[in-house]
Amino acid sequence: MYFLCDDIDRIARDIVVHMQIKQELERLGLSFVTVKMTFENTATGRFSEGIMALQAEFFRRQNAERVFSRQHARLMDGYWPWFPPLGYQQVKSAHG
């Protein structure tokens, strides 16, 4: 039996969580496959899967760093980059 995902980053974007889920699937007798590729239970297949899972984690962390950096820059420019607190509204001023 198989556990089918669209892509490897759909199961988890953290290498530790990915491996925990993979172990649980194996315990249940399921093989993890994606629509885009199948990972063989060989040294090369496990290496490829690990690299791709680690790449998904890297992209998640990199995106979080970019979001934080951009939010911080907006704050330094005097803008509130999030939704306003309850009861407040964001309005455009004549100066910006």
PDB file of N, CA and C in Angstrom:
ATOM      1  N   MET A   1       0.848  -1.184   0.000  1.00  0.00           N
ATOM      2  CA  MET A   1       0.000   0.000   0.000  1.00  0.00           C
ATOM      3  C   MET A   1       0.885   1.235   0.000  1.00  0.00           C
ATOM      4  N   TYR A   2       0.310   2.328  -0.470  1.00  0.00           N
ATOM      5  CA  TYR A   2       1.078   3.550  -0.647  1.00  0.00           C
ATOM      6  C   TYR A   2       0.427   4.725   0.060  1.00  0.00           C
ATOM      7  N   PHE A   3       1.273   5.654   0.476  1.00  0.00           N
ATOM      8  CA  PHE A   3       0.834   6.958   0.957  1.00  0.00           C
ATOM      9  C   PHE A   3       1.274   7.939  -0.112  1.00  0.00           C
ATOM     10  N   LEU A   4       0.332   8.545  -0.824  1.00  0.00           N
ATOM     11  CA  LEU A   4       0.619   9.387  -1.978  1.00  0.00           C
ATOM     12  C   LEU A   4       0.491  10.863  -1.618  1.00  0.00           C
ATOM     13  N   CYS A   5       1.525  11.626  -1.959  1.00  0.00           N
ATOM     14  CA  CYS A   5       1.522  13.084  -1.795  1.00  0.00           C
ATOM     15  C   CYS A   5       1.809  13.727  -3.136  1.00  0.00           C
ATOM     16  N   ASP A   6       1.382  14.964  -3.289  1.00  0.00           N
ATOM     17  CA  ASP A   6       1.664  15.711  -4.509  1.00  0.00           C
ATOM     18  C   ASP A   6       3.167  15.902  -4.691  1.00  0.00           C
ATOM     19  N   ASP A   7       3.840  16.326  -3.639  1.00  0.00           N
ATOM     20  CA  ASP A   7       5.285  16.564  -3.688  1.00  0.00           C
ATOM     21  C   ASP A   7       5.837  16.342  -2.288  1.00  0.00           C
ATOM     22  N   ILE A   8       7.138  16.196  -2.183  1.00  0.00           N
ATOM     23  CA  ILE A   8       7.755  15.865  -0.896  1.00  0.00           C
ATOM     24  C   ILE A   8       7.534  16.958   0.142  1.00  0.00           C
ATOM     25  N   ASP A   9       7.453  18.214  -0.284  1.00  0.00           N
ATOM     26  CA  ASP A   9       7.274  19.290   0.690  1.00  0.00           C
ATOM     27  C   ASP A   9       5.836  19.400   1.188  1.00  0.00           C
ATOM     28  N   ARG A  10       4.937  18.575   0.683  1.00  0.00           N
ATOM     29  CA  ARG A  10       3.559  18.562   1.168  1.00  0.00           C
ATOM     30  C   ARG A  10       3.414  17.738   2.436  1.00  0.00           C
ATOM     31  N   ILE A  11       4.348  16.836   2.703  1.00  0.00           N
ATOM     32  CA  ILE A  11       4.255  16.005   3.900  1.00  0.00           C
ATOM     33  C   ILE A  11       4.814  16.749   5.107  1.00  0.00           C
ATOM     34  N   ALA A  12       5.913  17.463   4.929  1.00  0.00           N
ATOM     35  CA  ALA A  12       6.510  18.251   6.016  1.00  0.00           C
ATOM     36  C   ALA A  12       7.576  19.158   5.419  1.00  0.00           C
ATOM     37  N   ARG A  13       7.801  20.264   6.078  1.00  0.00           N
ATOM     38  CA  ARG A  13       8.878  21.168   5.666  1.00  0.00           C
ATOM     39  C   ARG A  13       9.909  21.286   6.774  1.00  0.00           C
ATOM     40  N   ASP A  14      10.103  20.180   7.458  1.00  0.00           N
ATOM     41  CA  ASP A  14      11.092  20.064   8.522  1.00  0.00           C
ATOM     42  C   ASP A  14      11.650  18.650   8.415  1.00  0.00           C
ATOM     43  N   ILE A  15      12.965  18.513   8.295  1.00  0.00           N
ATOM     44  CA  ILE A  15      13.586  17.218   8.052  1.00  0.00           C
ATOM     45  C   ILE A  15      13.281  16.227   9.169  1.00  0.00           C
ATOM     46  N   VAL A  16      13.276  16.687  10.421  1.00  0.00           N
ATOM     47  CA  VAL A  16      13.003  15.784  11.547  1.00  0.00           C
ATOM     48  C   VAL A  16      11.564  15.278  11.478  1.00  0.00           C
ATOM     49  N   VAL A  17      10.627  16.175  11.235  1.00  0.00           N
ATOM     50  CA  VAL A  17       9.218  15.781  11.143  1.00  0.00           C
ATOM     51  C   VAL A  17       9.011  14.848   9.948  1.00  0.00           C
ATOM     52  N   HIS A  18       9.665  15.149   8.845  1.00  0.00           N
ATOM     53  CA  HIS A  18       9.556  14.294   7.660  1.00  0.00           C
ATOM     54  C   HIS A  18       9.972  12.864   7.996  1.00  0.00           C
ATOM     55  N   MET A  19      11.112  12.736   8.661  1.00  0.00           N
ATOM     56  CA  MET A  19      11.611  11.396   8.994  1.00  0.00           C
ATOM     57  C   MET A  19      10.711  10.693  10.012  1.00  0.00           C
ATOM     58  N   GLN A  20      10.133  11.448  10.946  1.00  0.00           N
ATOM     59  CA  GLN A  20       9.201  10.844  11.903  1.00  0.00           C
ATOM     60  C   GLN A  20       7.961  10.318  11.194  1.00  0.00           C
ATOM     61  N   ILE A  21       7.430  11.107  10.268  1.00  0.00           N
ATOM     62  CA  ILE A  21       6.256  10.681   9.505  1.00  0.00           C
ATOM     63  C   ILE A  21       6.604   9.473   8.650  1.00  0.00           C
ATOM     64  N   LYS A  22       7.772   9.518   8.026  1.00  0.00           N
ATOM     65  CA  LYS A  22       8.216   8.398   7.179  1.00  0.00           C
ATOM     66  C   LYS A  22       8.327   7.108   8.001  1.00  0.00           C
ATOM     67  N   GLN A  23       8.899   7.190   9.193  1.00  0.00           N
ATOM     68  CA  GLN A  23       9.010   6.014  10.060  1.00  0.00           C
ATOM     69  C   GLN A  23       7.637   5.476  10.448  1.00  0.00           C
ATOM     70  N   GLU A  24       6.706   6.375  10.746  1.00  0.00           N
ATOM     71  CA  GLU A  24       5.354   5.947  11.113  1.00  0.00           C
ATOM     72  C   GLU A  24       4.658   5.286   9.925  1.00  0.00           C
ATOM     73  N   LEU A  25       4.837   5.837   8.737  1.00  0.00           N
ATOM     74  CA  LEU A  25       4.255   5.225   7.542  1.00  0.00           C
ATOM     75  C   LEU A  25       4.824   3.825   7.331  1.00  0.00           C
ATOM     76  N   GLU A  26       6.145   3.683   7.502  1.00  0.00           N
ATOM     77  CA  GLU A  26       6.779   2.372   7.347  1.00  0.00           C
ATOM     78  C   GLU A  26       6.261   1.390   8.399  1.00  0.00           C
ATOM     79  N   ARG A  27       6.052   1.886   9.621  1.00  0.00           N
ATOM     80  CA  ARG A  27       5.515   1.042  10.692  1.00  0.00           C
ATOM     81  C   ARG A  27       4.121   0.530  10.335  1.00  0.00           C
ATOM     82  N   LEU A  28       3.362   1.367   9.640  1.00  0.00           N
ATOM     83  CA  LEU A  28       2.008   0.994   9.214  1.00  0.00           C
ATOM     84  C   LEU A  28       2.001   0.169   7.925  1.00  0.00           C
ATOM     85  N   GLY A  29       3.181  -0.061   7.368  1.00  0.00           N
ATOM     86  CA  GLY A  29       3.283  -0.851   6.140  1.00  0.00           C
ATOM     87  C   GLY A  29       3.001  -0.075   4.874  1.00  0.00           C
ATOM     88  N   LEU A  30       3.119   1.250   4.940  1.00  0.00           N
ATOM     89  CA  LEU A  30       2.860   2.097   3.777  1.00  0.00           C
ATOM     90  C   LEU A  30       4.163   2.582   3.168  1.00  0.00           C
ATOM     91  N   SER A  31       4.196   2.670   1.857  1.00  0.00           N
ATOM     92  CA  SER A  31       5.345   3.238   1.142  1.00  0.00           C
ATOM     93  C   SER A  31       5.003   4.674   0.777  1.00  0.00           C
ATOM     94  N   PHE A  32       5.927   5.576   1.024  1.00  0.00           N
ATOM     95  CA  PHE A  32       5.728   6.993   0.711  1.00  0.00           C
ATOM     96  C   PHE A  32       6.125   7.246  -0.737  1.00  0.00           C
ATOM     97  N   VAL A  33       5.204   7.747  -1.531  1.00  0.00           N
ATOM     98  CA  VAL A  33       5.488   8.115  -2.917  1.00  0.00           C
ATOM     99  C   VAL A  33       4.881   9.483  -3.189  1.00  0.00           C
ATOM    100  N   THR A  34       5.458  10.179  -4.148  1.00  0.00           N
ATOM    101  CA  THR A  34       4.907  11.460  -4.569  1.00  0.00           C
ATOM    102  C   THR A  34       4.456  11.329  -6.014  1.00  0.00           C
ATOM    103  N   VAL A  35       3.618  12.251  -6.434  1.00  0.00           N
ATOM    104  CA  VAL A  35       3.152  12.265  -7.818  1.00  0.00           C
ATOM    105  C   VAL A  35       4.341  12.470  -8.748  1.00  0.00           C
ATOM    106  N   LYS A  36       5.299  13.276  -8.307  1.00  0.00           N
ATOM    107  CA  LYS A  36       6.413  13.643  -9.169  1.00  0.00           C
ATOM    108  C   LYS A  36       7.545  12.627  -9.174  1.00  0.00           C
ATOM    109  N   MET A  37       7.697  11.850  -8.085  1.00  0.00           N
ATOM    110  CA  MET A  37       8.774  10.866  -8.061  1.00  0.00           C
ATOM    111  C   MET A  37       8.553   9.833  -6.976  1.00  0.00           C
ATOM    112  N   THR A  38       9.208   8.708  -7.143  1.00  0.00           N
ATOM    113  CA  THR A  38       9.177   7.635  -6.154  1.00  0.00           C
ATOM    114  C   THR A  38      10.582   7.461  -5.607  1.00  0.00           C
ATOM    115  N   PHE A  39      10.687   7.299  -4.307  1.00  0.00           N
ATOM    116  CA  PHE A  39      11.987   7.115  -3.673  1.00  0.00           C
ATOM    117  C   PHE A  39      12.188   5.636  -3.376  1.00  0.00           C
ATOM    118  N   GLU A  40      13.208   5.072  -3.976  1.00  0.00           N
ATOM    119  CA  GLU A  40      13.498   3.663  -3.744  1.00  0.00           C
ATOM    120  C   GLU A  40      14.110   3.477  -2.363  1.00  0.00           C
ATOM    121  N   ASN A  41      13.952   2.280  -1.818  1.00  0.00           N
ATOM    122  CA  ASN A  41      14.523   1.970  -0.518  1.00  0.00           C
ATOM    123  C   ASN A  41      15.968   1.491  -0.699  1.00  0.00           C
ATOM    124  N   THR A  42      16.773   2.364  -1.288  1.00  0.00           N
ATOM    125  CA  THR A  42      18.197   2.101  -1.500  1.00  0.00           C
ATOM    126  C   THR A  42      18.965   3.254  -0.876  1.00  0.00           C
ATOM    127  N   ALA A  43      20.264   3.119  -0.796  1.00  0.00           N
ATOM    128  CA  ALA A  43      21.087   4.207  -0.256  1.00  0.00           C
ATOM    129  C   ALA A  43      20.880   5.482  -1.073  1.00  0.00           C
ATOM    130  N   THR A  44      20.859   5.349  -2.374  1.00  0.00           N
ATOM    131  CA  THR A  44      20.681   6.513  -3.243  1.00  0.00           C
ATOM    132  C   THR A  44      19.279   7.100  -3.093  1.00  0.00           C
ATOM    133  N   GLY A  45      18.272   6.239  -3.036  1.00  0.00           N
ATOM    134  CA  GLY A  45      16.895   6.712  -2.894  1.00  0.00           C
ATOM    135  C   GLY A  45      16.672   7.431  -1.579  1.00  0.00           C
ATOM    136  N   ARG A  46      17.194   6.885  -0.500  1.00  0.00           N
ATOM    137  CA  ARG A  46      17.035   7.515   0.816  1.00  0.00           C
ATOM    138  C   ARG A  46      17.820   8.825   0.886  1.00  0.00           C
ATOM    139  N   PHE A  47      18.996   8.847   0.258  1.00  0.00           N
ATOM    140  CA  PHE A  47      19.786  10.081   0.207  1.00  0.00           C
ATOM    141  C   PHE A  47      19.029  11.167  -0.552  1.00  0.00           C
ATOM    142  N   SER A  48      18.487  10.813  -1.716  1.00  0.00           N
ATOM    143  CA  SER A  48      17.735  11.782  -2.524  1.00  0.00           C
ATOM    144  C   SER A  48      16.530  12.319  -1.768  1.00  0.00           C
ATOM    145  N   GLU A  49      15.811  11.431  -1.110  1.00  0.00           N
ATOM    146  CA  GLU A  49      14.644  11.851  -0.327  1.00  0.00           C
ATOM    147  C   GLU A  49      15.060  12.795   0.802  1.00  0.00           C
ATOM    148  N   GLY A  50      16.143  12.459   1.495  1.00  0.00           N
ATOM    149  CA  GLY A  50      16.627  13.305   2.586  1.00  0.00           C
ATOM    150  C   GLY A  50      17.045  14.680   2.105  1.00  0.00           C
ATOM    151  N   ILE A  51      17.745  14.721   0.970  1.00  0.00           N
ATOM    152  CA  ILE A  51      18.171  16.009   0.406  1.00  0.00           C
ATOM    153  C   ILE A  51      16.956  16.848   0.025  1.00  0.00           C
ATOM    154  N   MET A  52      15.961  16.221  -0.599  1.00  0.00           N
ATOM    155  CA  MET A  52      14.771  16.971  -1.006  1.00  0.00           C
ATOM    156  C   MET A  52      13.966  17.447   0.205  1.00  0.00           C
ATOM    157  N   ALA A  53      13.887  16.633   1.250  1.00  0.00           N
ATOM    158  CA  ALA A  53      13.199  17.045   2.474  1.00  0.00           C
ATOM    159  C   ALA A  53      13.959  18.194   3.143  1.00  0.00           C
ATOM    160  N   LEU A  54      15.279  18.111   3.143  1.00  0.00           N
ATOM    161  CA  LEU A  54      16.096  19.178   3.718  1.00  0.00           C
ATOM    162  C   LEU A  54      15.978  20.460   2.897  1.00  0.00           C
ATOM    163  N   GLN A  55      15.861  20.321   1.577  1.00  0.00           N
ATOM    164  CA  GLN A  55      15.678  21.479   0.715  1.00  0.00           C
ATOM    165  C   GLN A  55      14.340  22.165   1.017  1.00  0.00           C
ATOM    166  N   ALA A  56      13.292  21.375   1.267  1.00  0.00           N
ATOM    167  CA  ALA A  56      11.992  21.949   1.620  1.00  0.00           C
ATOM    168  C   ALA A  56      12.097  22.741   2.917  1.00  0.00           C
ATOM    169  N   GLU A  57      12.847  22.205   3.895  1.00  0.00           N
ATOM    170  CA  GLU A  57      13.053  22.930   5.153  1.00  0.00           C
ATOM    171  C   GLU A  57      13.834  24.214   4.913  1.00  0.00           C
ATOM    172  N   PHE A  58      14.867  24.135   4.072  1.00  0.00           N
ATOM    173  CA  PHE A  58      15.672  25.318   3.754  1.00  0.00           C
ATOM    174  C   PHE A  58      14.803  26.413   3.147  1.00  0.00           C
ATOM    175  N   PHE A  59      13.961  26.061   2.170  1.00  0.00           N
ATOM    176  CA  PHE A  59      13.104  27.062   1.528  1.00  0.00           C
ATOM    177  C   PHE A  59      12.128  27.667   2.527  1.00  0.00           C
ATOM    178  N   ARG A  60      11.588  26.847   3.445  1.00  0.00           N
ATOM    179  CA  ARG A  60      10.668  27.368   4.474  1.00  0.00           C
ATOM    180  C   ARG A  60      11.385  28.369   5.370  1.00  0.00           C
ATOM    181  N   ARG A  61      12.583  28.001   5.827  1.00  0.00           N
ATOM    182  CA  ARG A  61      13.333  28.904   6.704  1.00  0.00           C
ATOM    183  C   ARG A  61      13.773  30.171   5.978  1.00  0.00           C
ATOM    184  N   GLN A  62      14.198  30.025   4.735  1.00  0.00           N
ATOM    185  CA  GLN A  62      14.622  31.178   3.944  1.00  0.00           C
ATOM    186  C   GLN A  62      13.457  32.138   3.728  1.00  0.00           C
ATOM    187  N   ASN A  63      12.283  31.602   3.447  1.00  0.00           N
ATOM    188  CA  ASN A  63      11.097  32.439   3.268  1.00  0.00           C
ATOM    189  C   ASN A  63      10.753  33.169   4.565  1.00  0.00           C
ATOM    190  N   ALA A  64      10.842  32.480   5.699  1.00  0.00           N
ATOM    191  CA  ALA A  64      10.562  33.113   6.988  1.00  0.00           C
ATOM    192  C   ALA A  64      11.532  34.261   7.252  1.00  0.00           C
ATOM    193  N   GLU A  65      12.810  34.068   6.905  1.00  0.00           N
ATOM    194  CA  GLU A  65      13.792  35.138   7.088  1.00  0.00           C
ATOM    195  C   GLU A  65      13.468  36.345   6.214  1.00  0.00           C
ATOM    196  N   ARG A  66      13.052  36.091   4.970  1.00  0.00           N
ATOM    197  CA  ARG A  66      12.704  37.203   4.068  1.00  0.00           C
ATOM    198  C   ARG A  66      11.492  37.954   4.586  1.00  0.00           C
ATOM    199  N   VAL A  67      10.476  37.225   5.039  1.00  0.00           N
ATOM    200  CA  VAL A  67       9.266  37.864   5.563  1.00  0.00           C
ATOM    201  C   VAL A  67       9.622  38.723   6.769  1.00  0.00           C
ATOM    202  N   PHE A  68      10.397  38.165   7.699  1.00  0.00           N
ATOM    203  CA  PHE A  68      10.798  38.925   8.889  1.00  0.00           C
ATOM    204  C   PHE A  68      11.576  40.180   8.499  1.00  0.00           C
ATOM    205  N   SER A  69      12.508  40.032   7.570  1.00  0.00           N
ATOM    206  CA  SER A  69      13.328  41.163   7.136  1.00  0.00           C
ATOM    207  C   SER A  69      12.473  42.272   6.522  1.00  0.00           C
ATOM    208  N   ARG A  70      11.514  41.877   5.701  1.00  0.00           N
ATOM    209  CA  ARG A  70      10.654  42.874   5.051  1.00  0.00           C
ATOM    210  C   ARG A  70       9.715  43.535   6.055  1.00  0.00           C
ATOM    211  N   GLN A  71       9.201  42.757   7.003  1.00  0.00           N
ATOM    212  CA  GLN A  71       8.350  43.345   8.033  1.00  0.00           C
ATOM    213  C   GLN A  71       9.147  44.325   8.889  1.00  0.00           C
ATOM    214  N   HIS A  72      10.357  43.948   9.228  1.00  0.00           N
ATOM    215  CA  HIS A  72      11.217  44.821  10.027  1.00  0.00           C
ATOM    216  C   HIS A  72      11.515  46.118   9.267  1.00  0.00           C
ATOM    217  N   ALA A  73      11.800  46.012   7.978  1.00  0.00           N
ATOM    218  CA  ALA A  73      12.069  47.200   7.171  1.00  0.00           C
ATOM    219  C   ALA A  73      10.850  48.116   7.132  1.00  0.00           C
ATOM    220  N   ARG A  74       9.658  47.528   7.011  1.00  0.00           N
ATOM    221  CA  ARG A  74       8.445  48.351   7.013  1.00  0.00           C
ATOM    222  C   ARG A  74       8.275  49.071   8.351  1.00  0.00           C
ATOM    223  N   LEU A  75       8.555  48.362   9.455  1.00  0.00           N
ATOM    224  CA  LEU A  75       8.477  48.994  10.770  1.00  0.00           C
ATOM    225  C   LEU A  75       9.456  50.151  10.876  1.00  0.00           C
ATOM    226  N   MET A  76      10.671  49.953  10.386  1.00  0.00           N
ATOM    227  CA  MET A  76      11.691  51.007  10.454  1.00  0.00           C
ATOM    228  C   MET A  76      11.303  52.209   9.602  1.00  0.00           C
ATOM    229  N   ASP A  77      10.480  51.970   8.561  1.00  0.00           N
ATOM    230  CA  ASP A  77       9.998  53.070   7.717  1.00  0.00           C
ATOM    231  C   ASP A  77       8.742  53.723   8.295  1.00  0.00           C
ATOM    232  N   GLY A  78       8.277  53.236   9.452  1.00  0.00           N
ATOM    233  CA  GLY A  78       7.130  53.855  10.101  1.00  0.00           C
ATOM    234  C   GLY A  78       5.790  53.233   9.759  1.00  0.00           C
ATOM    235  N   TYR A  79       5.791  52.068   9.141  1.00  0.00           N
ATOM    236  CA  TYR A  79       4.541  51.402   8.770  1.00  0.00           C
ATOM    237  C   TYR A  79       4.293  50.208   9.673  1.00  0.00           C
ATOM    238  N   TRP A  80       3.036  49.886   9.877  1.00  0.00           N
ATOM    239  CA  TRP A  80       2.646  48.695  10.622  1.00  0.00           C
ATOM    240  C   TRP A  80       2.314  47.619   9.578  1.00  0.00           C
ATOM    241  N   PRO A  81       3.168  46.582   9.437  1.00  0.00           N
ATOM    242  CA  PRO A  81       2.989  45.636   8.329  1.00  0.00           C
ATOM    243  C   PRO A  81       1.940  44.551   8.554  1.00  0.00           C
ATOM    244  N   TRP A  82       1.260  44.543   9.685  1.00  0.00           N
ATOM    245  CA  TRP A  82       0.279  43.503   9.989  1.00  0.00           C
ATOM    246  C   TRP A  82      -1.118  44.102   9.992  1.00  0.00           C
ATOM    247  N   PHE A  83      -2.107  43.243  10.189  1.00  0.00           N
ATOM    248  CA  PHE A  83      -3.468  43.749  10.334  1.00  0.00           C
ATOM    249  C   PHE A  83      -3.518  44.646  11.573  1.00  0.00           C
ATOM    250  N   PRO A  84      -4.326  45.690  11.519  1.00  0.00           N
ATOM    251  CA  PRO A  84      -4.413  46.571  12.690  1.00  0.00           C
ATOM    252  C   PRO A  84      -5.075  45.852  13.863  1.00  0.00           C
ATOM    253  N   PRO A  85      -4.755  46.265  15.082  1.00  0.00           N
ATOM    254  CA  PRO A  85      -5.409  45.669  16.257  1.00  0.00           C
ATOM    255  C   PRO A  85      -6.921  45.892  16.197  1.00  0.00           C
ATOM    256  N   LEU A  86      -7.652  45.060  16.901  1.00  0.00           N
ATOM    257  CA  LEU A  86      -9.098  45.136  16.918  1.00  0.00           C
ATOM    258  C   LEU A  86      -9.550  46.551  17.301  1.00  0.00           C
ATOM    259  N   GLY A  87     -10.424  47.110  16.490  1.00  0.00           N
ATOM    260  CA  GLY A  87     -10.955  48.442  16.755  1.00  0.00           C
ATOM    261  C   GLY A  87     -10.210  49.553  16.025  1.00  0.00           C
ATOM    262  N   TYR A  88      -9.097  49.225  15.366  1.00  0.00           N
ATOM    263  CA  TYR A  88      -8.312  50.215  14.619  1.00  0.00           C
ATOM    264  C   TYR A  88      -8.452  49.952  13.128  1.00  0.00           C
ATOM    265  N   GLN A  89      -8.184  50.975  12.339  1.00  0.00           N
ATOM    266  CA  GLN A  89      -8.217  50.846  10.883  1.00  0.00           C
ATOM    267  C   GLN A  89      -6.911  51.373  10.323  1.00  0.00           C
ATOM    268  N   GLN A  90      -6.475  50.768   9.213  1.00  0.00           N
ATOM    269  CA  GLN A  90      -5.323  51.329   8.498  1.00  0.00           C
ATOM    270  C   GLN A  90      -5.856  52.318   7.485  1.00  0.00           C
ATOM    271  N   VAL A  91      -5.288  53.515   7.487  1.00  0.00           N
ATOM    272  CA  VAL A  91      -5.683  54.525   6.518  1.00  0.00           C
ATOM    273  C   VAL A  91      -4.422  55.095   5.905  1.00  0.00           C
ATOM    274  N   LYS A  92      -4.517  55.477   4.646  1.00  0.00           N
ATOM    275  CA  LYS A  92      -3.380  56.093   3.970  1.00  0.00           C
ATOM    276  C   LYS A  92      -3.350  57.570   4.357  1.00  0.00           C
ATOM    277  N   SER A  93      -2.156  58.015   4.729  1.00  0.00           N
ATOM    278  CA  SER A  93      -2.051  59.436   5.045  1.00  0.00           C
ATOM    279  C   SER A  93      -1.656  60.208   3.782  1.00  0.00           C
ATOM    280  N   ALA A  94      -1.769  61.487   3.839  1.00  0.00           N
ATOM    281  CA  ALA A  94      -1.402  62.325   2.687  1.00  0.00           C
ATOM    282  C   ALA A  94       0.096  62.302   2.456  1.00  0.00           C
ATOM    283  N   HIS A  95       0.863  61.839   3.469  1.00  0.00           N
ATOM    284  CA  HIS A  95       2.318  61.863   3.369  1.00  0.00           C
ATOM    285  C   HIS A  95       2.912  60.527   2.931  1.00  0.00           C
ATOM    286  N   GLY A  96       2.135  59.486   2.752  1.00  0.00           N
ATOM    287  CA  GLY A  96       2.801  58.254   2.424  1.00  0.00           C
ATOM    288  C   GLY A  96       1.960  57.221   1.867  1.00  0.00           C
TER     289      GLY A  96
END
